[in-house]
Amino acid sequence: MKKATFKQYLLEFKQPSGTSRGILTTKETYILEITEGDKKGTGECAIFRGLSFEDVPEYEEMLQWLCDNINENKKLLRKELLHFPSIWFGYEQAMLNLNNGADLYFPSDFSEGYSSIKINGLIWMGDAAFMQQQIKEKLDQGFHCLKLKIGADWKSEKEILKQLRAQFPKEELELRVDANGGFSFEEAKVVLQELSDLGIHSIEQPIKAGNTDQMAALCKTTPTPIALDEELIGVLNFEDKKELLEKINPQFIILKPSLVGGFSGTDEWISFAENKGIGWWITSALESNIGLNAIAQYTFTKNPKIPQGLGTGGLFTNNVETRLVLHGDELMMR
């Protein structure tokens, strides 16, 4: 018989991190442990307060429900936890870890330390000097793909992109931007052209999620590839996922396992996207090293073709130990 427990864990940022949703100083998460005999599996239920639609008062109640019903069959558990994707994500991790042992979730050449995953460097929002400092650090570290958070001060952000592009042609440095829904429909049309002029790889979520008609219109004519991110959050049913991609027909989708229903939910999105010729990449969402490790191991098994949006666990002062290391822009396990 399996037994399960959970505990809250508060991750503390080394320095306040700016997004279009405000400044983050801490990140709440929950650690789930499942034991069976002398075996133990650990997973992370990485709720993202203010972003995930499961940010509701009964979140801990559902975690307790899972612990109380841990021996029920998987199909029933997934049905009950459909509206709590990060809890399902933690359950999938813990069960995989229970079966594989150590810190293993998806054994592969990556988990054995023989292969790596190329990732992008993330540039947080801030004033021009702060963003330029981060860019210099990432370039010095050897990154060939940078993702810049934009939408706080587009005029200054555009100037930074211009300076970067003048120094590094797109053949040398891939630039992605993430607006987190920061532009209006009319603003987005102008910004998409300006980004195209600068040879930008893609823009994530140029307008707020939920405006599917406007997003479809932008994707149909955009000179800069559009990637859906927040648009996918809360779209849970098989048919709804398919319908959304058919309606909007984006150039890319971005998949955060903790927000889209774990590895099984991510698998569904990838299947639909590949059937339609839509590109994808996988992104972590401020998980601790527990969730990040599991996401990285999973990502490798999907045979990614372009840089992925995986963090490195270095944002927090009190992260857990990990075998994940970064060599240039290659994420590896030591």
C-alpha atoms as a PDB file:
ATOM      1  CA  MET A   1       0.000   0.000   0.000  1.00  0.00           C
ATOM      2  CA  LYS A   2       1.219   3.471  -0.875  1.00  0.00           C
ATOM      3  CA  LYS A   3       1.212   6.376   1.569  1.00  0.00           C
ATOM      4  CA  ALA A   4       1.475  10.057   0.608  1.00  0.00           C
ATOM      5  CA  THR A   5       2.246  13.304   2.400  1.00  0.00           C
ATOM      6  CA  PHE A   6       2.873  16.879   1.309  1.00  0.00           C
ATOM      7  CA  LYS A   7       4.499  19.983   2.721  1.00  0.00           C
ATOM      8  CA  GLN A   8       4.647  23.600   1.635  1.00  0.00           C
ATOM      9  CA  TYR A   9       8.010  25.052   0.624  1.00  0.00           C
ATOM     10  CA  LEU A  10       8.689  28.757   0.054  1.00  0.00           C
ATOM     11  CA  LEU A  11      11.422  29.502  -2.470  1.00  0.00           C
ATOM     12  CA  GLU A  12      13.199  32.831  -1.970  1.00  0.00           C
ATOM     13  CA  PHE A  13      14.558  34.816  -4.921  1.00  0.00           C
ATOM     14  CA  LYS A  14      18.158  35.999  -4.760  1.00  0.00           C
ATOM     15  CA  GLN A  15      16.918  39.321  -6.106  1.00  0.00           C
ATOM     16  CA  PRO A  16      13.393  40.559  -6.915  1.00  0.00           C
ATOM     17  CA  SER A  17      12.440  39.376 -10.415  1.00  0.00           C
ATOM     18  CA  GLY A  18      10.232  41.536 -12.623  1.00  0.00           C
ATOM     19  CA  THR A  19       7.474  40.264 -14.897  1.00  0.00           C
ATOM     20  CA  SER A  20       4.501  41.985 -16.494  1.00  0.00           C
ATOM     21  CA  ARG A  21       2.491  40.629 -13.548  1.00  0.00           C
ATOM     22  CA  GLY A  22       4.649  42.417 -11.005  1.00  0.00           C
ATOM     23  CA  ILE A  23       7.785  41.881  -8.942  1.00  0.00           C
ATOM     24  CA  LEU A  24       8.388  38.430  -7.457  1.00  0.00           C
ATOM     25  CA  THR A  25      10.347  37.962  -4.223  1.00  0.00           C
ATOM     26  CA  THR A  26       9.141  34.484  -3.202  1.00  0.00           C
ATOM     27  CA  LYS A  27       7.612  31.479  -4.964  1.00  0.00           C
ATOM     28  CA  GLU A  28       5.310  29.082  -3.119  1.00  0.00           C
ATOM     29  CA  THR A  29       5.441  25.391  -3.970  1.00  0.00           C
ATOM     30  CA  TYR A  30       4.525  22.020  -2.435  1.00  0.00           C
ATOM     31  CA  ILE A  31       6.617  18.854  -2.150  1.00  0.00           C
ATOM     32  CA  LEU A  32       4.710  15.566  -2.484  1.00  0.00           C
ATOM     33  CA  GLU A  33       6.174  12.310  -1.164  1.00  0.00           C
ATOM     34  CA  ILE A  34       4.787   8.864  -1.928  1.00  0.00           C
ATOM     35  CA  THR A  35       6.168   5.822  -0.119  1.00  0.00           C
ATOM     36  CA  GLU A  36       5.606   2.132  -0.727  1.00  0.00           C
ATOM     37  CA  GLY A  37       7.514  -0.289   1.450  1.00  0.00           C
ATOM     38  CA  ASP A  38      11.073   0.960   1.532  1.00  0.00           C
ATOM     39  CA  LYS A  39      10.713   2.942  -1.715  1.00  0.00           C
ATOM     40  CA  LYS A  40      10.097   6.693  -1.854  1.00  0.00           C
ATOM     41  CA  GLY A  41       9.067   8.977  -4.707  1.00  0.00           C
ATOM     42  CA  THR A  42       9.290  12.767  -4.623  1.00  0.00           C
ATOM     43  CA  GLY A  43       7.401  15.221  -6.811  1.00  0.00           C
ATOM     44  CA  GLU A  44       6.702  18.941  -6.848  1.00  0.00           C
ATOM     45  CA  CYS A  45       3.215  20.423  -7.051  1.00  0.00           C
ATOM     46  CA  ALA A  46       4.410  23.745  -8.425  1.00  0.00           C
ATOM     47  CA  ILE A  47       1.407  26.037  -8.179  1.00  0.00           C
ATOM     48  CA  PHE A  48       2.008  29.475  -9.742  1.00  0.00           C
ATOM     49  CA  ARG A  49      -0.025  31.956  -7.711  1.00  0.00           C
ATOM     50  CA  GLY A  50      -1.571  34.680  -9.851  1.00  0.00           C
ATOM     51  CA  LEU A  51      -1.036  32.796 -13.114  1.00  0.00           C
ATOM     52  CA  SER A  52      -2.499  29.322 -12.777  1.00  0.00           C
ATOM     53  CA  PHE A  53      -6.296  29.033 -12.796  1.00  0.00           C
ATOM     54  CA  GLU A  54      -5.995  26.523  -9.915  1.00  0.00           C
ATOM     55  CA  ASP A  55      -5.001  29.368  -7.568  1.00  0.00           C
ATOM     56  CA  VAL A  56      -8.036  28.729  -5.363  1.00  0.00           C
ATOM     57  CA  PRO A  57      -8.561  28.438  -1.565  1.00  0.00           C
ATOM     58  CA  GLU A  58      -9.170  24.682  -1.731  1.00  0.00           C
ATOM     59  CA  TYR A  59      -5.771  23.896  -3.295  1.00  0.00           C
ATOM     60  CA  GLU A  60      -4.387  22.308  -0.117  1.00  0.00           C
ATOM     61  CA  GLU A  61      -7.659  20.417   0.370  1.00  0.00           C
ATOM     62  CA  MET A  62      -7.147  18.768  -3.031  1.00  0.00           C
ATOM     63  CA  LEU A  63      -3.572  17.910  -2.115  1.00  0.00           C
ATOM     64  CA  GLN A  64      -4.867  16.241   1.033  1.00  0.00           C
ATOM     65  CA  TRP A  65      -7.550  14.459  -1.015  1.00  0.00           C
ATOM     66  CA  LEU A  66      -4.823  13.030  -3.235  1.00  0.00           C
ATOM     67  CA  CYS A  67      -2.873  11.820  -0.204  1.00  0.00           C
ATOM     68  CA  ASP A  68      -6.004  10.223   1.252  1.00  0.00           C
ATOM     69  CA  ASN A  69      -6.820   8.495  -2.040  1.00  0.00           C
ATOM     70  CA  ILE A  70      -3.318   7.693  -3.243  1.00  0.00           C
ATOM     71  CA  ASN A  71      -4.161   4.004  -3.780  1.00  0.00           C
ATOM     72  CA  GLU A  72      -7.058   4.718  -6.164  1.00  0.00           C
ATOM     73  CA  ASN A  73      -6.513   3.926  -9.842  1.00  0.00           C
ATOM     74  CA  LYS A  74      -4.698   6.455 -11.982  1.00  0.00           C
ATOM     75  CA  LYS A  75      -7.651   7.130 -14.288  1.00  0.00           C
ATOM     76  CA  LEU A  76      -9.886   8.186 -11.391  1.00  0.00           C
ATOM     77  CA  LEU A  77      -7.167  10.356  -9.865  1.00  0.00           C
ATOM     78  CA  ARG A  78      -6.556  12.183 -13.149  1.00  0.00           C
ATOM     79  CA  LYS A  79     -10.273  12.827 -13.595  1.00  0.00           C
ATOM     80  CA  GLU A  80     -10.584  14.279 -10.086  1.00  0.00           C
ATOM     81  CA  LEU A  81      -7.413  16.372 -10.458  1.00  0.00           C
ATOM     82  CA  LEU A  82      -8.154  17.646 -13.961  1.00  0.00           C
ATOM     83  CA  HIS A  83      -8.630  21.213 -12.690  1.00  0.00           C
ATOM     84  CA  PHE A  84      -5.479  21.023 -10.547  1.00  0.00           C
ATOM     85  CA  PRO A  85      -2.725  20.511 -13.159  1.00  0.00           C
ATOM     86  CA  SER A  86       0.189  21.201 -10.824  1.00  0.00           C
ATOM     87  CA  ILE A  87      -1.034  18.574  -8.342  1.00  0.00           C
ATOM     88  CA  TRP A  88      -1.298  16.049 -11.167  1.00  0.00           C
ATOM     89  CA  PHE A  89       2.181  17.125 -12.283  1.00  0.00           C
ATOM     90  CA  GLY A  90       3.529  16.415  -8.787  1.00  0.00           C
ATOM     91  CA  TYR A  91       1.750  13.047  -8.674  1.00  0.00           C
ATOM     92  CA  GLU A  92       3.225  11.980 -12.031  1.00  0.00           C
ATOM     93  CA  GLN A  93       6.711  12.920 -10.844  1.00  0.00           C
ATOM     94  CA  ALA A  94       6.414  11.155  -7.513  1.00  0.00           C
ATOM     95  CA  MET A  95       5.140   7.944  -9.123  1.00  0.00           C
ATOM     96  CA  LEU A  96       7.905   7.976 -11.734  1.00  0.00           C
ATOM     97  CA  ASN A  97      10.486   8.601  -9.026  1.00  0.00           C
ATOM     98  CA  LEU A  98       9.001   5.835  -6.861  1.00  0.00           C
ATOM     99  CA  ASN A  99       9.582   3.384  -9.706  1.00  0.00           C
ATOM    100  CA  ASN A 100      13.000   4.658 -10.841  1.00  0.00           C
ATOM    101  CA  GLY A 101      14.679   5.612  -7.567  1.00  0.00           C
ATOM    102  CA  ALA A 102      17.415   8.168  -6.776  1.00  0.00           C
ATOM    103  CA  ASP A 103      16.596  11.420  -8.629  1.00  0.00           C
ATOM    104  CA  LEU A 104      15.410   9.647 -11.767  1.00  0.00           C
ATOM    105  CA  TYR A 105      12.137  10.285 -13.580  1.00  0.00           C
ATOM    106  CA  PHE A 106      12.907   9.486 -17.223  1.00  0.00           C
ATOM    107  CA  PRO A 107      16.135   7.459 -17.433  1.00  0.00           C
ATOM    108  CA  SER A 108      18.101   8.345 -20.585  1.00  0.00           C
ATOM    109  CA  ASP A 109      21.497   9.464 -21.851  1.00  0.00           C
ATOM    110  CA  PHE A 110      20.624  12.870 -20.348  1.00  0.00           C
ATOM    111  CA  SER A 111      19.943  11.538 -16.845  1.00  0.00           C
ATOM    112  CA  GLU A 112      23.143   9.482 -17.088  1.00  0.00           C
ATOM    113  CA  GLY A 113      25.146  12.623 -17.914  1.00  0.00           C
ATOM    114  CA  TYR A 114      26.042  11.694 -21.493  1.00  0.00           C
ATOM    115  CA  SER A 115      23.835  14.178 -23.365  1.00  0.00           C
ATOM    116  CA  SER A 116      22.649  17.751 -22.874  1.00  0.00           C
ATOM    117  CA  ILE A 117      19.754  20.093 -23.711  1.00  0.00           C
ATOM    118  CA  LYS A 118      20.378  23.472 -25.316  1.00  0.00           C
ATOM    119  CA  ILE A 119      18.456  26.215 -23.486  1.00  0.00           C
ATOM    120  CA  ASN A 120      17.786  29.924 -23.894  1.00  0.00           C
ATOM    121  CA  GLY A 121      19.050  32.543 -21.487  1.00  0.00           C
ATOM    122  CA  LEU A 122      16.244  34.460 -19.738  1.00  0.00           C
ATOM    123  CA  ILE A 123      16.482  38.239 -19.375  1.00  0.00           C
ATOM    124  CA  TRP A 124      14.167  39.603 -16.687  1.00  0.00           C
ATOM    125  CA  MET A 125      12.313  42.895 -16.939  1.00  0.00           C
ATOM    126  CA  GLY A 126      13.853  45.994 -15.452  1.00  0.00           C
ATOM    127  CA  ASP A 127      15.373  49.296 -16.466  1.00  0.00           C
ATOM    128  CA  ALA A 128      17.687  49.417 -19.460  1.00  0.00           C
ATOM    129  CA  ALA A 129      20.871  49.167 -17.363  1.00  0.00           C
ATOM    130  CA  PHE A 130      19.619  46.080 -15.494  1.00  0.00           C
ATOM    131  CA  MET A 131      18.543  44.309 -18.680  1.00  0.00           C
ATOM    132  CA  GLN A 132      21.826  45.145 -20.429  1.00  0.00           C
ATOM    133  CA  GLN A 133      23.792  43.813 -17.439  1.00  0.00           C
ATOM    134  CA  GLN A 134      21.891  40.507 -17.629  1.00  0.00           C
ATOM    135  CA  ILE A 135      22.437  40.298 -21.401  1.00  0.00           C
ATOM    136  CA  LYS A 136      26.189  40.790 -21.011  1.00  0.00           C
ATOM    137  CA  GLU A 137      26.321  38.052 -18.356  1.00  0.00           C
ATOM    138  CA  LYS A 138      24.404  35.583 -20.559  1.00  0.00           C
ATOM    139  CA  LEU A 139      26.537  36.314 -23.623  1.00  0.00           C
ATOM    140  CA  ASP A 140      29.712  35.926 -21.547  1.00  0.00           C
ATOM    141  CA  GLN A 141      28.395  32.551 -20.346  1.00  0.00           C
ATOM    142  CA  GLY A 142      28.077  31.398 -23.959  1.00  0.00           C
ATOM    143  CA  PHE A 143      24.350  31.600 -24.696  1.00  0.00           C
ATOM    144  CA  HIS A 144      23.324  31.687 -28.356  1.00  0.00           C
ATOM    145  CA  CYS A 145      19.602  32.248 -27.712  1.00  0.00           C
ATOM    146  CA  LEU A 146      18.187  34.916 -25.388  1.00  0.00           C
ATOM    147  CA  LYS A 147      14.603  35.474 -24.301  1.00  0.00           C
ATOM    148  CA  LEU A 148      13.714  38.963 -23.152  1.00  0.00           C
ATOM    149  CA  LYS A 149      10.666  39.797 -21.074  1.00  0.00           C
ATOM    150  CA  ILE A 150       9.015  42.851 -22.658  1.00  0.00           C
ATOM    151  CA  GLY A 151       5.887  44.933 -22.224  1.00  0.00           C
ATOM    152  CA  ALA A 152       6.891  47.151 -19.314  1.00  0.00           C
ATOM    153  CA  ASP A 153       8.525  49.922 -21.383  1.00  0.00           C
ATOM    154  CA  TRP A 154       8.488  48.972 -25.056  1.00  0.00           C
ATOM    155  CA  LYS A 155      10.361  52.061 -26.223  1.00  0.00           C
ATOM    156  CA  SER A 156      13.395  51.237 -24.035  1.00  0.00           C
ATOM    157  CA  GLU A 157      13.083  47.506 -24.698  1.00  0.00           C
ATOM    158  CA  LYS A 158      13.039  48.079 -28.460  1.00  0.00           C
ATOM    159  CA  GLU A 159      16.201  50.178 -28.179  1.00  0.00           C
ATOM    160  CA  ILE A 160      17.956  47.338 -26.340  1.00  0.00           C
ATOM    161  CA  LEU A 161      16.905  44.890 -29.068  1.00  0.00           C
ATOM    162  CA  LYS A 162      18.186  47.284 -31.750  1.00  0.00           C
ATOM    163  CA  GLN A 163      21.562  47.562 -30.024  1.00  0.00           C
ATOM    164  CA  LEU A 164      21.796  43.798 -29.656  1.00  0.00           C
ATOM    165  CA  ARG A 165      20.907  43.175 -33.267  1.00  0.00           C
ATOM    166  CA  ALA A 166      23.432  45.769 -34.474  1.00  0.00           C
ATOM    167  CA  GLN A 167      26.104  43.881 -32.567  1.00  0.00           C
ATOM    168  CA  PHE A 168      24.946  40.316 -33.289  1.00  0.00           C
ATOM    169  CA  PRO A 169      23.186  39.288 -36.533  1.00  0.00           C
ATOM    170  CA  LYS A 170      20.397  36.737 -36.220  1.00  0.00           C
ATOM    171  CA  GLU A 171      22.697  34.020 -37.571  1.00  0.00           C
ATOM    172  CA  GLU A 172      24.855  34.485 -34.450  1.00  0.00           C
ATOM    173  CA  LEU A 173      22.239  35.244 -31.790  1.00  0.00           C
ATOM    174  CA  GLU A 174      18.627  34.087 -31.663  1.00  0.00           C
ATOM    175  CA  LEU A 175      16.376  36.557 -29.873  1.00  0.00           C
ATOM    176  CA  ARG A 176      12.955  35.680 -28.494  1.00  0.00           C
ATOM    177  CA  VAL A 177      10.628  38.009 -26.627  1.00  0.00           C
ATOM    178  CA  ASP A 178       7.840  37.322 -24.135  1.00  0.00           C
ATOM    179  CA  ALA A 179       5.124  39.950 -23.747  1.00  0.00           C
ATOM    180  CA  ASN A 180       2.988  38.020 -21.214  1.00  0.00           C
ATOM    181  CA  GLY A 181      -0.089  39.572 -22.858  1.00  0.00           C
ATOM    182  CA  GLY A 182       1.262  43.082 -22.370  1.00  0.00           C
ATOM    183  CA  PHE A 183       0.032  44.683 -25.636  1.00  0.00           C
ATOM    184  CA  SER A 184      -3.379  45.597 -26.973  1.00  0.00           C
ATOM    185  CA  PHE A 185      -4.477  44.164 -30.328  1.00  0.00           C
ATOM    186  CA  GLU A 186      -3.659  47.408 -32.158  1.00  0.00           C
ATOM    187  CA  GLU A 187      -0.318  47.822 -30.390  1.00  0.00           C
ATOM    188  CA  ALA A 188       0.584  44.201 -31.155  1.00  0.00           C
ATOM    189  CA  LYS A 189       0.158  44.721 -34.911  1.00  0.00           C
ATOM    190  CA  VAL A 190       2.766  47.508 -34.820  1.00  0.00           C
ATOM    191  CA  VAL A 191       5.106  45.634 -32.456  1.00  0.00           C
ATOM    192  CA  LEU A 192       5.017  42.479 -34.609  1.00  0.00           C
ATOM    193  CA  GLN A 193       6.309  44.451 -37.592  1.00  0.00           C
ATOM    194  CA  GLU A 194       8.991  46.178 -35.518  1.00  0.00           C
ATOM    195  CA  LEU A 195      10.151  42.791 -34.207  1.00  0.00           C
ATOM    196  CA  SER A 196      10.271  41.417 -37.744  1.00  0.00           C
ATOM    197  CA  ASP A 197      12.472  44.317 -38.816  1.00  0.00           C
ATOM    198  CA  LEU A 198      14.884  43.294 -36.048  1.00  0.00           C
ATOM    199  CA  GLY A 199      14.961  39.619 -37.045  1.00  0.00           C
ATOM    200  CA  ILE A 200      13.324  38.397 -33.838  1.00  0.00           C
ATOM    201  CA  HIS A 201      12.687  34.635 -33.702  1.00  0.00           C
ATOM    202  CA  SER A 202       9.271  34.811 -32.005  1.00  0.00           C
ATOM    203  CA  ILE A 203       7.035  36.606 -29.522  1.00  0.00           C
ATOM    204  CA  GLU A 204       5.193  34.835 -26.732  1.00  0.00           C
ATOM    205  CA  GLN A 205       1.630  35.848 -25.971  1.00  0.00           C
ATOM    206  CA  PRO A 206       1.554  39.363 -27.508  1.00  0.00           C
ATOM    207  CA  ILE A 207      -2.010  39.983 -26.244  1.00  0.00           C
ATOM    208  CA  LYS A 208      -3.907  38.746 -23.212  1.00  0.00           C
ATOM    209  CA  ALA A 209      -5.128  35.149 -23.232  1.00  0.00           C
ATOM    210  CA  GLY A 210      -8.779  34.545 -24.014  1.00  0.00           C
ATOM    211  CA  ASN A 211      -9.022  36.866 -27.020  1.00  0.00           C
ATOM    212  CA  THR A 212      -8.960  33.973 -29.443  1.00  0.00           C
ATOM    213  CA  ASP A 213     -10.465  35.812 -32.430  1.00  0.00           C
ATOM    214  CA  GLN A 214      -7.866  38.578 -32.176  1.00  0.00           C
ATOM    215  CA  MET A 215      -5.042  36.091 -31.604  1.00  0.00           C
ATOM    216  CA  ALA A 216      -6.134  34.089 -34.647  1.00  0.00           C
ATOM    217  CA  ALA A 217      -6.156  37.272 -36.722  1.00  0.00           C
ATOM    218  CA  LEU A 218      -2.629  38.167 -35.559  1.00  0.00           C
ATOM    219  CA  CYS A 219      -1.275  34.663 -36.223  1.00  0.00           C
ATOM    220  CA  LYS A 220      -2.756  34.653 -39.718  1.00  0.00           C
ATOM    221  CA  THR A 221      -0.857  37.724 -40.919  1.00  0.00           C
ATOM    222  CA  THR A 222       2.030  38.194 -38.477  1.00  0.00           C
ATOM    223  CA  PRO A 223       5.516  38.898 -39.886  1.00  0.00           C
ATOM    224  CA  THR A 224       6.978  37.600 -36.579  1.00  0.00           C
ATOM    225  CA  PRO A 225       6.121  34.056 -35.435  1.00  0.00           C
ATOM    226  CA  ILE A 226       3.734  33.985 -32.465  1.00  0.00           C
ATOM    227  CA  ALA A 227       3.970  31.471 -29.620  1.00  0.00           C
ATOM    228  CA  LEU A 228       0.984  30.746 -27.385  1.00  0.00           C
ATOM    229  CA  ASP A 229       1.736  30.477 -23.676  1.00  0.00           C
ATOM    230  CA  GLU A 230      -0.925  31.671 -21.200  1.00  0.00           C
ATOM    231  CA  GLU A 231      -3.478  30.889 -23.917  1.00  0.00           C
ATOM    232  CA  LEU A 232      -3.039  27.175 -23.145  1.00  0.00           C
ATOM    233  CA  ILE A 233      -3.605  27.457 -19.392  1.00  0.00           C
ATOM    234  CA  GLY A 234      -6.975  26.103 -18.331  1.00  0.00           C
ATOM    235  CA  VAL A 235      -7.617  24.342 -21.645  1.00  0.00           C
ATOM    236  CA  LEU A 236      -7.929  20.838 -20.278  1.00  0.00           C
ATOM    237  CA  ASN A 237     -10.148  18.656 -22.406  1.00  0.00           C
ATOM    238  CA  PHE A 238      -8.813  16.725 -25.372  1.00  0.00           C
ATOM    239  CA  GLU A 239     -11.277  18.284 -27.831  1.00  0.00           C
ATOM    240  CA  ASP A 240     -10.813  21.813 -26.449  1.00  0.00           C
ATOM    241  CA  LYS A 241      -7.051  21.615 -27.038  1.00  0.00           C
ATOM    242  CA  LYS A 242      -7.547  20.499 -30.605  1.00  0.00           C
ATOM    243  CA  GLU A 243     -10.185  23.177 -31.245  1.00  0.00           C
ATOM    244  CA  LEU A 244      -7.990  25.966 -29.847  1.00  0.00           C
ATOM    245  CA  LEU A 245      -5.039  25.094 -32.089  1.00  0.00           C
ATOM    246  CA  GLU A 246      -7.274  24.737 -35.132  1.00  0.00           C
ATOM    247  CA  LYS A 247      -8.865  28.130 -34.481  1.00  0.00           C
ATOM    248  CA  ILE A 248      -5.738  30.168 -33.713  1.00  0.00           C
ATOM    249  CA  ASN A 249      -3.203  28.157 -35.735  1.00  0.00           C
ATOM    250  CA  PRO A 250      -0.130  29.709 -34.068  1.00  0.00           C
ATOM    251  CA  GLN A 251       3.423  29.277 -35.278  1.00  0.00           C
ATOM    252  CA  PHE A 252       4.522  27.854 -31.889  1.00  0.00           C
ATOM    253  CA  ILE A 253       3.152  26.736 -28.535  1.00  0.00           C
ATOM    254  CA  ILE A 254       5.043  26.892 -25.245  1.00  0.00           C
ATOM    255  CA  LEU A 255       4.449  24.133 -22.747  1.00  0.00           C
ATOM    256  CA  LYS A 256       4.841  24.443 -18.997  1.00  0.00           C
ATOM    257  CA  PRO A 257       4.111  20.979 -17.564  1.00  0.00           C
ATOM    258  CA  SER A 258       3.138  22.346 -14.148  1.00  0.00           C
ATOM    259  CA  LEU A 259       0.476  24.564 -15.784  1.00  0.00           C
ATOM    260  CA  VAL A 260      -0.868  22.318 -18.556  1.00  0.00           C
ATOM    261  CA  GLY A 261      -1.431  19.061 -16.682  1.00  0.00           C
ATOM    262  CA  GLY A 262       1.952  17.468 -16.215  1.00  0.00           C
ATOM    263  CA  PHE A 263       3.695  15.207 -18.682  1.00  0.00           C
ATOM    264  CA  SER A 264       0.504  13.578 -19.960  1.00  0.00           C
ATOM    265  CA  GLY A 265      -1.055  16.992 -20.630  1.00  0.00           C
ATOM    266  CA  THR A 266       2.118  18.142 -22.383  1.00  0.00           C
ATOM    267  CA  ASP A 267       2.133  14.979 -24.493  1.00  0.00           C
ATOM    268  CA  GLU A 268      -1.384  15.781 -25.738  1.00  0.00           C
ATOM    269  CA  TRP A 269      -0.439  19.337 -26.737  1.00  0.00           C
ATOM    270  CA  ILE A 270       2.693  18.147 -28.559  1.00  0.00           C
ATOM    271  CA  SER A 271       0.711  15.515 -30.438  1.00  0.00           C
ATOM    272  CA  PHE A 272      -1.861  18.063 -31.644  1.00  0.00           C
ATOM    273  CA  ALA A 273       0.818  20.616 -32.526  1.00  0.00           C
ATOM    274  CA  GLU A 274       2.955  18.210 -34.535  1.00  0.00           C
ATOM    275  CA  ASN A 275      -0.100  16.999 -36.453  1.00  0.00           C
ATOM    276  CA  LYS A 276      -0.720  20.602 -37.515  1.00  0.00           C
ATOM    277  CA  GLY A 277       2.915  21.488 -38.221  1.00  0.00           C
ATOM    278  CA  ILE A 278       3.051  23.829 -35.226  1.00  0.00           C
ATOM    279  CA  GLY A 279       6.406  24.158 -33.475  1.00  0.00           C
ATOM    280  CA  TRP A 280       6.834  23.861 -29.699  1.00  0.00           C
ATOM    281  CA  TRP A 281       9.241  24.165 -26.854  1.00  0.00           C
ATOM    282  CA  ILE A 282       9.049  23.280 -23.185  1.00  0.00           C
ATOM    283  CA  THR A 283       9.530  25.796 -20.402  1.00  0.00           C
ATOM    284  CA  SER A 284       9.934  25.531 -16.675  1.00  0.00           C
ATOM    285  CA  ALA A 285       7.845  27.863 -14.501  1.00  0.00           C
ATOM    286  CA  LEU A 286       9.920  28.750 -11.437  1.00  0.00           C
ATOM    287  CA  GLU A 287       9.835  25.256  -9.984  1.00  0.00           C
ATOM    288  CA  SER A 288      12.392  24.158  -7.425  1.00  0.00           C
ATOM    289  CA  ASN A 289      15.159  21.863  -8.607  1.00  0.00           C
ATOM    290  CA  ILE A 290      12.849  18.888  -7.963  1.00  0.00           C
ATOM    291  CA  GLY A 291      10.345  19.897 -10.639  1.00  0.00           C
ATOM    292  CA  LEU A 292      13.047  21.340 -12.902  1.00  0.00           C
ATOM    293  CA  ASN A 293      14.986  18.070 -12.832  1.00  0.00           C
ATOM    294  CA  ALA A 294      11.882  16.091 -13.797  1.00  0.00           C
ATOM    295  CA  ILE A 295      10.964  18.538 -16.581  1.00  0.00           C
ATOM    296  CA  ALA A 296      14.503  18.467 -17.991  1.00  0.00           C
ATOM    297  CA  GLN A 297      14.573  14.654 -18.029  1.00  0.00           C
ATOM    298  CA  TYR A 298      11.166  14.590 -19.729  1.00  0.00           C
ATOM    299  CA  THR A 299      12.149  17.249 -22.268  1.00  0.00           C
ATOM    300  CA  PHE A 300      15.154  15.246 -23.441  1.00  0.00           C
ATOM    301  CA  THR A 301      12.892  12.285 -24.253  1.00  0.00           C
ATOM    302  CA  LYS A 302      10.856  14.510 -26.624  1.00  0.00           C
ATOM    303  CA  ASN A 303      13.933  14.998 -28.842  1.00  0.00           C
ATOM    304  CA  PRO A 304      13.789  18.823 -28.915  1.00  0.00           C
ATOM    305  CA  LYS A 305      15.034  20.532 -32.079  1.00  0.00           C
ATOM    306  CA  ILE A 306      15.425  24.124 -30.811  1.00  0.00           C
ATOM    307  CA  PRO A 307      16.600  25.747 -27.532  1.00  0.00           C
ATOM    308  CA  GLN A 308      14.235  25.035 -24.660  1.00  0.00           C
ATOM    309  CA  GLY A 309      13.093  27.422 -21.932  1.00  0.00           C
ATOM    310  CA  LEU A 310      14.444  25.514 -18.949  1.00  0.00           C
ATOM    311  CA  GLY A 311      15.669  27.406 -15.922  1.00  0.00           C
ATOM    312  CA  THR A 312      18.819  26.459 -14.070  1.00  0.00           C
ATOM    313  CA  GLY A 313      17.604  26.643 -10.480  1.00  0.00           C
ATOM    314  CA  GLY A 314      19.964  29.530  -9.801  1.00  0.00           C
ATOM    315  CA  LEU A 315      17.281  32.122  -9.038  1.00  0.00           C
ATOM    316  CA  PHE A 316      16.665  31.006  -5.457  1.00  0.00           C
ATOM    317  CA  THR A 317      18.728  31.231  -2.268  1.00  0.00           C
ATOM    318  CA  ASN A 318      17.218  28.090  -0.717  1.00  0.00           C
ATOM    319  CA  ASN A 319      16.836  25.651  -3.603  1.00  0.00           C
ATOM    320  CA  VAL A 320      17.324  21.927  -3.047  1.00  0.00           C
ATOM    321  CA  GLU A 321      20.470  20.081  -4.175  1.00  0.00           C
ATOM    322  CA  THR A 322      20.574  18.977  -7.803  1.00  0.00           C
ATOM    323  CA  ARG A 323      22.812  17.230 -10.318  1.00  0.00           C
ATOM    324  CA  LEU A 324      21.764  19.745 -12.992  1.00  0.00           C
ATOM    325  CA  VAL A 325      24.648  21.900 -14.211  1.00  0.00           C
ATOM    326  CA  LEU A 326      25.077  24.402 -17.014  1.00  0.00           C
ATOM    327  CA  HIS A 327      27.991  24.354 -19.481  1.00  0.00           C
ATOM    328  CA  GLY A 328      27.613  27.410 -21.716  1.00  0.00           C
ATOM    329  CA  ASP A 329      24.041  27.084 -22.915  1.00  0.00           C
ATOM    330  CA  GLU A 330      23.928  23.296 -22.488  1.00  0.00           C
ATOM    331  CA  LEU A 331      21.990  21.926 -19.493  1.00  0.00           C
ATOM    332  CA  MET A 332      23.437  18.622 -18.259  1.00  0.00           C
ATOM    333  CA  MET A 333      23.367  16.264 -15.287  1.00  0.00           C
ATOM    334  CA  ARG A 334      26.676  15.599 -13.565  1.00  0.00           C
END
